[in-house]
Amino acid sequence: MTDFHDSVKERFIRYAGIDTQSASGVSETPTTQKQFDLARMLRDELNSIGVSDVWLDEDHCVVYGTIPSNSDACRPVGLVAHMDTAVEAPGGPVNPQVVERYDGGDILLNKDLGIWMRRADFPNLGMYVGEELICTDGTTLLGGDDKASIASIMTMAEHFCSHPELEHGTIAIAFTPDEEVGGLAKDLDLGRFTSDTAYTLDGDHLGYYEYETFNASSAEVRIRGRAVHPGTAKGIMINSIDIAGEFLSALPAAEKPQYTDGREGFFHVMGISGSCEETVVNIIVRDHDTEKFAQRNALLQQITDEFNCRYPEGTVTLSVTYQYRSMKEVIDEVPFMIDNLKKAISDCGVEPVCIPFRGGTDGSALSQRGLPCPNLSAGYENAHSRFEYVPVCNMVKNVEILIRLCELYRDMPV
């Protein structure tokens, strides 16, 4: 196998240096114009390495490319990764730094600011003793989520384009914006994307793969009160803040993110704001099980109805928005996708590990739109954090896995 170390490392450092942080609560697409900086770089690079049908959607910031089949009739395969970075930590300017051979101890990220990444705080560092790590300088996130995936996909693409003697089927590529703020690849044009199946690359832990995600909804609970002077409030005031507290107390106390794991669902209060006269509570609802998910949303309605009996009618209004569904029911119809992914991972010397993903991916929405799309983890660590890092060896291994995956699709008839 070709040594991909230098090319995937150089790509990642170059991509990570571009601030592509998306923004919450913005209706425009993309939510930040700076995502185009990376999109245009990727468009130009795809053209330069010989990918066909390269196109940047200047309205929606989606990059497309195709490596046409050079083999007999066989199944195509698609790969999707997102360009934006998370909102939980500062997004830039990003200053990647390289730990050439990690010695197993604490890592000084920023001498001037005294910022250390302590192994005691991040025990997964112990898996990478002797490896080359790319870290932040402790002031911003790194962007391994999801630029480690982009670097692996681009390096795979260059490999096939520079070795035309290697037979493969059609390989479709797309890079999307705004995944971190719920974009869910909504503007990916399935008519332009040249495969009827695809894999997203996202997430930590090399060798992990997911084809079951949460079902997800968001709820806005709006509570109307009655404000009067507190000195003459007896029997008159209705304090919406107090009612909001009662509403939240009616939810199952143990079914919160901090008390659940595995396939357990939850209610998560994302925000609360208001005054005596009006309070708004935002809650997200998650569950892997479709029936339990429906029960959770029904419980919110039940509590709302009970409060409107206890207080004046219309005191509480509930608005639920369904965000995405688990991809499992779609992926179960195309079992060869998981068989191929598991074999590609194991053939490259990595143990495949499947877990129910406690979140959603672009693939959740794409699967529901008719593009079955399980997820292969990218192999970064500490995403959404100033302590994010990417082991170069994990990106190299993902290049090998992607090449092997394309070989397996090459051997499948249409």
Protein backbone atom coordinates (compact mmCIF):
# COMPACT_ATOMS: atom_id res chain seq x y z
CA MET A 1 0.00 0.00 0.00
CA THR A 2 1.21 3.49 -0.86
CA ASP A 3 2.44 5.59 2.06
CA PHE A 4 -0.17 8.33 2.42
CA HIS A 5 1.33 9.91 5.53
CA ASP A 6 2.80 13.09 4.08
CA SER A 7 -0.04 13.90 1.69
CA VAL A 8 -2.89 13.44 4.17
CA LYS A 9 -0.99 15.32 6.88
CA GLU A 10 -0.21 18.28 4.61
CA ARG A 11 -3.80 18.45 3.42
CA PHE A 12 -5.25 18.39 6.89
CA ILE A 13 -2.96 21.13 8.20
CA ARG A 14 -3.85 23.29 5.20
CA TYR A 15 -7.59 22.75 5.62
CA ALA A 16 -7.47 23.19 9.40
CA GLY A 17 -5.87 26.60 9.00
CA ILE A 18 -9.06 27.91 7.39
CA ASP A 19 -11.75 29.10 9.79
CA THR A 20 -15.02 27.56 8.59
CA GLN A 21 -17.07 27.81 11.78
CA SER A 22 -20.81 27.80 11.12
CA ALA A 23 -23.33 29.84 13.13
CA SER A 24 -26.44 28.92 15.07
CA GLY A 25 -29.72 30.73 14.61
CA VAL A 26 -28.89 32.01 11.11
CA SER A 27 -31.36 31.38 8.29
CA GLU A 28 -28.97 32.02 5.38
CA THR A 29 -27.26 29.16 3.55
CA PRO A 30 -24.48 28.73 4.34
CA THR A 31 -24.73 30.27 7.79
CA THR A 32 -21.25 31.81 7.38
CA GLN A 33 -19.69 32.98 4.14
CA LYS A 34 -16.21 31.92 5.28
CA GLN A 35 -17.15 28.30 4.56
CA PHE A 36 -16.75 29.24 0.90
CA ASP A 37 -13.00 29.74 1.54
CA LEU A 38 -12.56 26.01 2.01
CA ALA A 39 -15.18 25.12 -0.60
CA ARG A 40 -13.31 27.00 -3.31
CA MET A 41 -10.00 25.48 -2.24
CA LEU A 42 -11.50 21.99 -2.48
CA ARG A 43 -13.08 22.74 -5.85
CA ASP A 44 -9.74 23.84 -7.24
CA GLU A 45 -7.89 20.90 -5.73
CA LEU A 46 -10.39 18.37 -7.08
CA ASN A 47 -9.86 19.84 -10.53
CA SER A 48 -6.09 19.76 -10.18
CA ILE A 49 -5.91 16.09 -9.20
CA GLY A 50 -8.13 15.05 -12.11
CA VAL A 51 -11.57 14.50 -10.59
CA SER A 52 -14.40 14.91 -13.12
CA ASP A 53 -17.62 16.96 -13.06
CA VAL A 54 -16.31 19.21 -10.30
CA TRP A 55 -18.82 21.88 -9.37
CA LEU A 56 -19.30 24.32 -6.52
CA ASP A 57 -22.88 25.35 -5.88
CA GLU A 58 -22.37 29.06 -5.27
CA ASP A 59 -25.88 29.39 -3.82
CA HIS A 60 -25.65 26.61 -1.24
CA CYS A 61 -21.88 26.02 -0.76
CA VAL A 62 -21.87 22.34 -1.72
CA VAL A 63 -18.87 20.92 -3.60
CA TYR A 64 -19.34 17.97 -5.97
CA GLY A 65 -16.96 15.72 -7.87
CA THR A 66 -16.95 12.32 -9.56
CA ILE A 67 -14.25 9.79 -10.29
CA PRO A 68 -15.80 7.93 -13.25
CA SER A 69 -15.79 4.16 -13.38
CA ASN A 70 -12.97 2.53 -15.34
CA SER A 71 -14.26 -0.98 -14.77
CA ASP A 72 -17.11 -3.10 -16.07
CA ALA A 73 -20.61 -2.48 -14.76
CA CYS A 74 -20.40 -2.31 -10.98
CA ARG A 75 -22.03 -0.46 -8.14
CA PRO A 76 -21.09 3.18 -7.52
CA VAL A 77 -20.24 4.43 -4.05
CA GLY A 78 -20.48 7.91 -2.57
CA LEU A 79 -18.57 9.76 0.16
CA VAL A 80 -19.81 12.83 2.03
CA ALA A 81 -18.07 15.05 4.63
CA HIS A 82 -18.86 18.47 6.06
CA MET A 83 -16.73 21.58 5.82
CA ASP A 84 -17.95 23.60 8.80
CA THR A 85 -16.62 23.41 12.35
CA ALA A 86 -18.49 23.49 15.64
CA VAL A 87 -19.74 26.49 17.58
CA GLU A 88 -18.83 25.32 21.11
CA ALA A 89 -15.29 26.76 21.02
CA PRO A 90 -13.60 29.62 19.16
CA GLY A 91 -13.23 28.74 15.48
CA GLY A 92 -10.21 30.77 14.48
CA PRO A 93 -7.64 31.83 13.70
CA VAL A 94 -6.60 28.17 13.86
CA ASN A 95 -2.92 27.46 14.48
CA PRO A 96 -2.30 23.71 14.07
CA GLN A 97 0.87 22.34 15.63
CA VAL A 98 2.52 18.96 15.28
CA VAL A 99 3.72 16.65 18.03
CA GLU A 100 6.09 14.54 15.97
CA ARG A 101 6.42 11.57 18.32
CA TYR A 102 4.12 11.67 21.31
CA ASP A 103 6.02 10.56 24.44
CA GLY A 104 2.97 9.64 26.52
CA GLY A 105 3.03 12.63 28.84
CA ASP A 106 1.17 15.92 29.10
CA ILE A 107 1.33 18.17 26.04
CA LEU A 108 2.12 21.88 26.31
CA LEU A 109 -0.21 23.50 23.78
CA ASN A 110 0.56 27.13 24.52
CA LYS A 111 3.60 28.20 26.49
CA ASP A 112 2.61 31.88 26.67
CA LEU A 113 -0.83 31.09 28.09
CA GLY A 114 0.23 28.03 30.09
CA ILE A 115 -2.29 25.73 28.39
CA TRP A 116 -1.60 22.02 28.79
CA MET A 117 -3.44 18.97 27.50
CA ARG A 118 -3.19 16.59 30.45
CA ARG A 119 -3.19 12.85 29.87
CA ALA A 120 -5.12 12.43 33.13
CA ASP A 121 -7.93 14.52 31.64
CA PHE A 122 -7.79 12.87 28.21
CA PRO A 123 -6.85 9.21 28.74
CA ASN A 124 -7.26 8.30 25.05
CA LEU A 125 -3.88 9.95 24.54
CA GLY A 126 -2.44 6.72 25.89
CA MET A 127 -3.43 4.94 22.67
CA TYR A 128 -1.10 7.14 20.60
CA VAL A 129 2.28 6.91 22.32
CA GLY A 130 4.93 7.14 19.61
CA GLU A 131 2.49 8.52 17.05
CA GLU A 132 2.41 11.89 15.33
CA LEU A 133 -0.40 14.14 16.58
CA ILE A 134 -1.77 17.39 15.22
CA CYS A 135 -3.10 19.61 18.00
CA THR A 136 -4.46 23.10 18.53
CA ASP A 137 -2.58 25.89 20.29
CA GLY A 138 -5.20 25.76 23.03
CA THR A 139 -7.05 28.90 21.94
CA THR A 140 -9.39 27.45 19.27
CA LEU A 141 -10.74 24.13 18.17
CA LEU A 142 -8.71 22.34 15.51
CA GLY A 143 -11.32 21.32 12.96
CA GLY A 144 -10.51 17.62 12.81
CA ASP A 145 -14.28 17.41 12.89
CA ASP A 146 -14.61 17.11 9.96
CA LYS A 147 -11.50 18.16 8.05
CA ALA A 148 -9.72 14.92 8.96
CA SER A 149 -12.42 13.22 6.86
CA ILE A 150 -11.98 15.66 3.99
CA ALA A 151 -8.20 15.09 4.00
CA SER A 152 -8.70 11.32 3.84
CA ILE A 153 -11.26 11.54 1.03
CA MET A 154 -9.10 13.91 -1.01
CA THR A 155 -6.02 11.73 -0.58
CA MET A 156 -8.01 8.67 -1.68
CA ALA A 157 -9.28 10.60 -4.71
CA GLU A 158 -5.76 11.62 -5.68
CA HIS A 159 -4.63 8.01 -5.37
CA PHE A 160 -7.21 6.72 -7.85
CA CYS A 161 -6.76 9.66 -10.25
CA SER A 162 -2.98 9.24 -10.33
CA HIS A 163 -3.21 5.47 -10.81
CA PRO A 164 -5.60 4.91 -13.71
CA GLU A 165 -4.52 1.27 -13.88
CA LEU A 166 -6.42 0.64 -10.62
CA GLU A 167 -9.92 -0.51 -11.49
CA HIS A 168 -12.85 0.99 -9.63
CA GLY A 169 -16.50 1.86 -10.08
CA THR A 170 -17.92 5.37 -10.01
CA ILE A 171 -16.93 7.26 -6.87
CA ALA A 172 -19.12 10.25 -6.00
CA ILE A 173 -17.80 12.94 -3.65
CA ALA A 174 -19.60 15.80 -1.89
CA PHE A 175 -18.58 18.31 0.75
CA THR A 176 -21.38 20.12 2.58
CA PRO A 177 -21.79 23.14 4.89
CA ASP A 178 -23.50 23.68 8.26
CA GLU A 179 -23.61 20.13 9.61
CA GLU A 180 -22.72 21.37 13.08
CA VAL A 181 -25.79 23.61 13.24
CA GLY A 182 -28.31 21.13 11.86
CA GLY A 183 -27.85 21.71 8.14
CA LEU A 184 -28.23 17.96 7.53
CA ALA A 185 -26.99 18.25 3.92
CA LYS A 186 -30.37 19.68 3.00
CA ASP A 187 -29.04 21.27 -0.19
CA LEU A 188 -27.15 18.24 -1.48
CA ASP A 189 -28.59 17.68 -4.95
CA LEU A 190 -29.21 13.94 -5.24
CA GLY A 191 -29.68 14.31 -8.98
CA ARG A 192 -26.14 15.68 -9.35
CA PHE A 193 -24.63 13.20 -6.87
CA THR A 194 -23.62 10.21 -8.99
CA SER A 195 -24.25 7.35 -6.56
CA ASP A 196 -27.41 5.86 -5.07
CA THR A 197 -25.63 4.92 -1.82
CA ALA A 198 -23.07 6.83 0.22
CA TYR A 199 -21.14 6.99 3.47
CA THR A 200 -20.61 10.01 5.65
CA LEU A 201 -17.25 10.31 7.37
CA ASP A 202 -17.55 11.93 10.78
CA GLY A 203 -16.93 11.18 14.43
CA ASP A 204 -14.08 9.97 16.61
CA HIS A 205 -12.61 6.50 17.35
CA LEU A 206 -10.96 4.87 14.34
CA GLY A 207 -12.80 1.81 13.08
CA TYR A 208 -16.16 2.76 14.54
CA TYR A 209 -19.17 2.82 12.27
CA GLU A 210 -22.80 3.75 12.81
CA TYR A 211 -26.05 2.99 11.06
CA GLU A 212 -28.42 3.76 13.93
CA THR A 213 -28.88 7.31 15.16
CA PHE A 214 -31.31 9.09 17.41
CA ASN A 215 -34.76 10.09 16.30
CA ALA A 216 -34.82 13.80 17.05
CA SER A 217 -37.22 16.65 17.65
CA SER A 218 -37.06 20.09 19.22
CA ALA A 219 -39.82 21.61 21.32
CA GLU A 220 -40.61 25.19 22.18
CA VAL A 221 -42.74 25.60 25.29
CA ARG A 222 -44.17 29.11 25.54
CA ILE A 223 -45.77 30.08 28.84
CA ARG A 224 -47.89 33.21 29.25
CA GLY A 225 -48.29 34.74 32.69
CA ARG A 226 -49.92 37.80 34.19
CA ALA A 227 -47.74 40.51 35.66
CA VAL A 228 -48.91 42.93 38.36
CA HIS A 229 -47.16 44.79 41.14
CA PRO A 230 -45.86 42.20 43.61
CA GLY A 231 -47.27 44.22 46.49
CA THR A 232 -50.83 43.58 45.29
CA ALA A 233 -50.24 40.28 43.48
CA LYS A 234 -52.18 37.89 45.71
CA GLY A 235 -54.76 36.01 43.69
CA ILE A 236 -53.92 37.94 40.53
CA MET A 237 -50.30 37.31 39.43
CA ILE A 238 -49.48 34.31 37.26
CA ASN A 239 -45.70 34.00 37.16
CA SER A 240 -44.67 32.26 33.94
CA ILE A 241 -41.19 31.54 35.31
CA ASP A 242 -42.67 29.54 38.18
CA ILE A 243 -44.86 27.60 35.76
CA ALA A 244 -41.82 26.87 33.59
CA GLY A 245 -40.11 25.36 36.62
CA GLU A 246 -43.18 23.22 37.31
CA PHE A 247 -43.26 22.10 33.68
CA LEU A 248 -39.65 20.98 33.78
CA SER A 249 -40.22 19.21 37.10
CA ALA A 250 -42.93 17.16 35.41
CA LEU A 251 -40.35 15.61 33.06
CA PRO A 252 -38.66 12.35 34.16
CA ALA A 253 -35.80 13.48 36.39
CA ALA A 254 -33.39 10.70 35.38
CA GLU A 255 -33.97 10.99 31.63
CA LYS A 256 -31.42 13.69 30.93
CA PRO A 257 -28.18 13.48 28.89
CA GLN A 258 -26.00 13.45 32.00
CA TYR A 259 -27.77 10.34 33.30
CA THR A 260 -28.14 8.28 30.12
CA ASP A 261 -26.00 6.36 27.65
CA GLY A 262 -26.18 3.65 24.99
CA ARG A 263 -29.66 3.44 23.49
CA GLU A 264 -31.30 5.41 26.30
CA GLY A 265 -33.15 8.52 25.18
CA PHE A 266 -33.55 11.83 26.96
CA PHE A 267 -35.10 15.27 27.30
CA HIS A 268 -32.51 18.06 27.25
CA VAL A 269 -33.33 21.65 28.21
CA MET A 270 -31.32 23.75 25.77
CA GLY A 271 -32.39 27.17 26.98
CA ILE A 272 -34.86 29.13 29.08
CA SER A 273 -35.57 32.85 29.02
CA GLY A 274 -38.36 35.09 30.13
CA SER A 275 -40.07 37.22 32.73
CA CYS A 276 -43.12 37.02 34.92
CA GLU A 277 -45.30 37.70 31.90
CA GLU A 278 -43.81 35.28 29.39
CA THR A 279 -41.19 32.50 29.46
CA VAL A 280 -39.89 30.35 26.62
CA VAL A 281 -38.28 26.96 27.22
CA ASN A 282 -36.43 25.09 24.45
CA ILE A 283 -36.10 21.33 24.79
CA ILE A 284 -34.61 18.72 22.50
CA VAL A 285 -36.00 15.18 22.52
CA ARG A 286 -33.93 12.14 21.53
CA ASP A 287 -34.50 8.38 21.41
CA HIS A 288 -33.22 5.50 19.30
CA ASP A 289 -36.47 3.58 19.64
CA THR A 290 -39.21 4.91 17.35
CA GLU A 291 -42.05 4.02 19.70
CA LYS A 292 -40.34 5.50 22.75
CA PHE A 293 -39.55 8.63 20.74
CA ALA A 294 -43.24 9.04 19.95
CA GLN A 295 -44.06 8.55 23.64
CA ARG A 296 -41.63 11.28 24.64
CA ASN A 297 -43.22 13.80 22.31
CA ALA A 298 -46.67 12.70 23.51
CA LEU A 299 -45.60 13.30 27.12
CA LEU A 300 -44.77 16.93 26.32
CA GLN A 301 -48.26 17.36 24.89
CA GLN A 302 -49.81 15.62 27.91
CA ILE A 303 -48.03 17.96 30.34
CA THR A 304 -49.11 20.95 28.24
CA ASP A 305 -52.74 19.83 28.34
CA GLU A 306 -52.62 19.25 32.10
CA PHE A 307 -51.17 22.72 32.73
CA ASN A 308 -53.87 24.32 30.59
CA CYS A 309 -56.42 22.65 32.83
CA ARG A 310 -54.66 23.81 35.99
CA TYR A 311 -54.11 27.35 34.73
CA PRO A 312 -56.16 29.52 32.35
CA GLU A 313 -56.60 27.92 28.92
CA GLY A 314 -53.77 28.92 26.58
CA THR A 315 -51.26 29.52 29.37
CA VAL A 316 -48.93 26.92 27.83
CA THR A 317 -48.43 26.38 24.12
CA LEU A 318 -46.23 23.67 22.66
CA SER A 319 -44.58 23.67 19.25
CA VAL A 320 -42.66 20.52 18.18
CA THR A 321 -40.37 20.39 15.15
CA TYR A 322 -39.20 16.98 13.94
CA GLN A 323 -35.53 17.23 12.99
CA TYR A 324 -34.37 13.82 11.77
CA ARG A 325 -35.08 10.12 12.10
CA SER A 326 -32.82 7.19 12.72
CA MET A 327 -31.28 5.88 9.52
CA LYS A 328 -31.52 2.26 10.70
CA GLU A 329 -34.80 1.40 8.99
CA VAL A 330 -33.32 2.59 5.66
CA ILE A 331 -29.91 0.93 6.06
CA ASP A 332 -31.54 -2.37 7.03
CA GLU A 333 -32.84 -2.52 3.44
CA VAL A 334 -29.29 -2.40 2.01
CA PRO A 335 -27.30 -4.79 4.25
CA PHE A 336 -24.44 -4.98 1.74
CA MET A 337 -23.45 -1.45 2.77
CA ILE A 338 -22.62 -2.56 6.29
CA ASP A 339 -21.08 -5.83 5.12
CA ASN A 340 -18.73 -3.92 2.81
CA LEU A 341 -17.86 -1.34 5.45
CA LYS A 342 -17.05 -3.95 8.09
CA LYS A 343 -14.91 -5.90 5.64
CA ALA A 344 -13.04 -2.79 4.47
CA ILE A 345 -12.24 -1.84 8.07
CA SER A 346 -11.12 -5.33 9.10
CA ASP A 347 -9.16 -5.92 5.87
CA CYS A 348 -7.09 -2.86 6.79
CA GLY A 349 -6.15 -4.32 10.16
CA VAL A 350 -8.64 -2.40 12.30
CA GLU A 351 -11.35 -3.93 14.46
CA PRO A 352 -14.80 -2.77 13.30
CA VAL A 353 -16.94 -1.51 16.18
CA CYS A 354 -20.62 -0.66 15.73
CA ILE A 355 -22.41 1.53 18.25
CA PRO A 356 -25.77 3.28 18.27
CA PHE A 357 -24.77 6.88 17.63
CA ARG A 358 -25.99 9.27 20.32
CA GLY A 359 -26.64 12.07 17.90
CA GLY A 360 -27.43 12.54 14.25
CA THR A 361 -25.39 12.84 11.08
CA ASP A 362 -26.02 14.30 7.65
CA GLY A 363 -26.64 10.67 6.78
CA SER A 364 -29.72 10.62 9.01
CA ALA A 365 -31.47 13.09 6.74
CA LEU A 366 -29.92 11.82 3.51
CA SER A 367 -31.13 8.30 4.27
CA GLN A 368 -34.67 9.57 4.71
CA ARG A 369 -34.36 11.41 1.39
CA GLY A 370 -33.54 8.15 -0.38
CA LEU A 371 -29.72 8.08 -0.20
CA PRO A 372 -28.79 5.31 2.28
CA CYS A 373 -25.88 6.77 4.18
CA PRO A 374 -24.25 5.07 7.21
CA ASN A 375 -21.24 6.66 8.88
CA LEU A 376 -17.54 5.78 9.14
CA SER A 377 -15.69 7.51 11.96
CA ALA A 378 -12.94 9.94 11.04
CA GLY A 379 -10.59 9.09 13.91
CA TYR A 380 -10.16 12.49 15.56
CA GLU A 381 -10.29 13.03 19.33
CA ASN A 382 -11.87 15.63 21.65
CA ALA A 383 -14.05 17.22 18.99
CA HIS A 384 -15.70 20.60 19.65
CA SER A 385 -12.90 21.45 22.06
CA ARG A 386 -9.74 23.50 22.39
CA PHE A 387 -8.11 20.15 23.19
CA GLU A 388 -9.03 18.52 19.89
CA TYR A 389 -6.28 16.52 18.19
CA VAL A 390 -5.89 14.27 15.18
CA PRO A 391 -3.47 11.31 15.08
CA VAL A 392 -2.01 11.28 11.56
CA CYS A 393 -1.99 7.48 11.63
CA ASN A 394 -5.80 7.47 11.88
CA MET A 395 -6.18 9.59 8.75
CA VAL A 396 -3.74 7.34 6.90
CA LYS A 397 -5.70 4.28 7.96
CA ASN A 398 -8.96 5.86 6.79
CA VAL A 399 -7.44 6.47 3.35
CA GLU A 400 -6.65 2.75 3.19
CA ILE A 401 -10.17 1.85 4.37
CA LEU A 402 -11.75 4.07 1.72
CA ILE A 403 -9.63 2.55 -1.03
CA ARG A 404 -10.56 -0.94 0.11
CA LEU A 405 -14.23 0.05 0.30
CA CYS A 406 -14.11 1.25 -3.31
CA GLU A 407 -12.50 -2.05 -4.32
CA LEU A 408 -15.34 -3.97 -2.70
CA TYR A 409 -17.91 -1.93 -4.62
CA ARG A 410 -15.92 -2.49 -7.81
CA ASP A 411 -16.48 -6.22 -7.32
CA MET A 412 -20.25 -5.83 -6.96
CA PRO A 413 -22.40 -5.98 -10.09
CA VAL A 414 -25.00 -3.27 -10.56
